[in-house]
């Protein structure tokens, strides 16, 4: 990537980030910044050969904030990073399944039928 192309993408990134700061509620914007810090750490450590994955702690409230629209905004923002952009994968599936199984187990122990609504 030439310097001009890099600078243009950096400007687009800064503009989108400022736009999101104005549009998102403060807690969602804080979540966005925590994710971006994790991505930055992964990029910085990639050259060390350590890891290129991002592991950001999410509270249940954070998971509620991470709506499909939030994910699309984050994916668009991260696509401006790096020479060919970054591919973003978010997976809450395993955690939600584990939570569901735990709730069902608690219900069974309590004498309830978890299959009934």
Protein backbone atom coordinates (compact mmCIF):
# COMPACT_ATOMS: atom_id res chain seq x y z
CA UNK A 1 0.00 0.00 0.00
CA UNK A 2 1.43 3.36 -0.93
CA UNK A 3 1.60 6.22 1.55
CA UNK A 4 -1.20 8.19 -0.09
CA UNK A 5 -3.57 5.21 0.06
CA UNK A 6 -2.61 4.57 3.70
CA UNK A 7 -3.26 8.21 4.64
CA UNK A 8 -6.64 8.18 2.92
CA UNK A 9 -7.69 5.04 4.80
CA UNK A 10 -6.42 6.54 8.08
CA UNK A 11 -8.52 9.67 7.44
CA UNK A 12 -11.59 7.53 6.68
CA UNK A 13 -11.00 5.55 9.88
CA UNK A 14 -10.71 8.74 11.99
CA UNK A 15 -13.82 10.22 10.38
CA UNK A 16 -15.88 7.04 10.95
CA UNK A 17 -14.68 6.80 14.56
CA UNK A 18 -15.68 10.42 15.25
CA UNK A 19 -19.03 9.81 13.58
CA UNK A 20 -19.63 6.75 15.77
CA UNK A 21 -18.69 8.70 18.90
CA UNK A 22 -21.52 11.12 18.07
CA UNK A 23 -24.04 8.41 17.19
CA UNK A 24 -23.43 5.72 19.80
CA UNK A 25 -24.42 5.93 23.43
CA UNK A 26 -21.41 6.29 25.77
CA UNK A 27 -21.43 2.63 26.91
CA UNK A 28 -21.53 1.33 23.33
CA UNK A 29 -18.74 3.71 22.32
CA UNK A 30 -16.68 2.49 25.29
CA UNK A 31 -17.24 -1.09 24.11
CA UNK A 32 -16.11 -0.10 20.62
CA UNK A 33 -12.91 1.44 22.00
CA UNK A 34 -12.17 -1.66 24.11
CA UNK A 35 -12.55 -3.85 21.03
CA UNK A 36 -10.33 -1.53 18.99
CA UNK A 37 -7.67 -1.63 21.76
CA UNK A 38 -7.77 -5.42 21.59
CA UNK A 39 -7.42 -5.31 17.81
CA UNK A 40 -4.49 -2.91 18.17
CA UNK A 41 -2.82 -5.29 20.62
CA UNK A 42 -3.32 -8.20 18.22
CA UNK A 43 -1.81 -6.21 15.33
CA UNK A 44 1.15 -5.14 17.45
CA UNK A 45 1.82 -8.70 18.62
CA UNK A 46 1.33 -10.26 15.18
CA UNK A 47 4.86 -9.30 14.24
CA UNK A 48 6.09 -10.96 17.46
CA UNK A 49 4.58 -14.24 16.26
CA UNK A 50 2.49 -14.42 19.43
CA UNK A 51 -1.11 -14.34 18.24
CA UNK A 52 -3.35 -12.47 15.87
CA UNK A 53 -6.61 -13.13 17.69
CA UNK A 54 -8.46 -10.68 19.90
CA UNK A 55 -9.99 -11.70 23.20
CA UNK A 56 -12.09 -8.92 24.76
CA UNK A 57 -14.05 -9.58 27.95
CA UNK A 58 -17.77 -9.00 27.38
CA UNK A 59 -20.27 -8.56 30.19
CA UNK A 60 -23.89 -9.58 29.54
CA UNK A 61 -24.64 -5.87 28.98
CA UNK A 62 -21.83 -5.70 26.41
CA UNK A 63 -23.33 -8.68 24.59
CA UNK A 64 -26.69 -6.88 24.51
CA UNK A 65 -24.96 -3.79 23.07
CA UNK A 66 -23.26 -5.87 20.38
CA UNK A 67 -26.26 -5.80 18.05
CA UNK A 68 -26.04 -6.77 14.39
CA UNK A 69 -25.93 -3.04 13.54
CA UNK A 70 -23.05 -2.50 16.01
CA UNK A 71 -21.21 -5.47 14.48
CA UNK A 72 -21.68 -4.04 10.97
CA UNK A 73 -20.30 -0.68 12.10
CA UNK A 74 -17.31 -2.39 13.71
CA UNK A 75 -16.68 -4.53 10.64
CA UNK A 76 -16.80 -1.46 8.38
CA UNK A 77 -14.44 0.40 10.69
CA UNK A 78 -11.94 -2.46 10.92
CA UNK A 79 -12.02 -2.94 7.17
CA UNK A 80 -10.02 0.30 7.00
CA UNK A 81 -7.19 -1.14 9.11
CA UNK A 82 -4.13 -2.77 7.66
CA UNK A 83 -3.06 -2.97 4.04
CA UNK A 84 -5.95 -5.24 3.07
CA UNK A 85 -8.29 -4.49 5.94
CA UNK A 86 -9.09 -6.88 8.74
CA UNK A 87 -11.61 -9.68 8.80
CA UNK A 88 -13.80 -9.57 11.88
CA UNK A 89 -15.35 -12.71 13.37
CA UNK A 90 -17.48 -12.52 16.51
CA UNK A 91 -18.76 -15.68 18.15
CA UNK A 92 -21.07 -15.65 21.14
CA UNK A 93 -22.65 -18.96 20.15
CA UNK A 94 -20.69 -21.27 22.44
CA UNK A 95 -21.14 -18.98 25.44
CA UNK A 96 -24.88 -18.59 24.90
CA UNK A 97 -25.31 -22.34 24.51
CA UNK A 98 -23.36 -22.92 27.74
CA UNK A 99 -25.56 -20.35 29.52
CA UNK A 100 -28.72 -22.01 28.21
CA UNK A 101 -27.59 -25.43 29.40
CA UNK A 102 -26.72 -24.02 32.82
CA UNK A 103 -30.13 -22.37 33.18
CA UNK A 104 -31.85 -25.62 32.17
CA UNK A 105 -29.79 -27.56 34.72
CA UNK A 106 -30.73 -25.09 37.45
CA UNK A 107 -34.39 -25.37 36.45
CA UNK A 108 -34.27 -29.19 36.62
CA UNK A 109 -32.60 -29.14 40.05
CA UNK A 110 -35.29 -26.71 41.21
CA UNK A 111 -37.99 -29.15 40.10
CA UNK A 112 -39.05 -27.18 37.02
CA UNK A 113 -39.41 -28.49 33.51
CA UNK A 114 -37.06 -26.39 31.32
CA UNK A 115 -38.90 -27.52 28.19
CA UNK A 116 -42.13 -25.77 29.17
CA UNK A 117 -42.74 -22.10 28.44
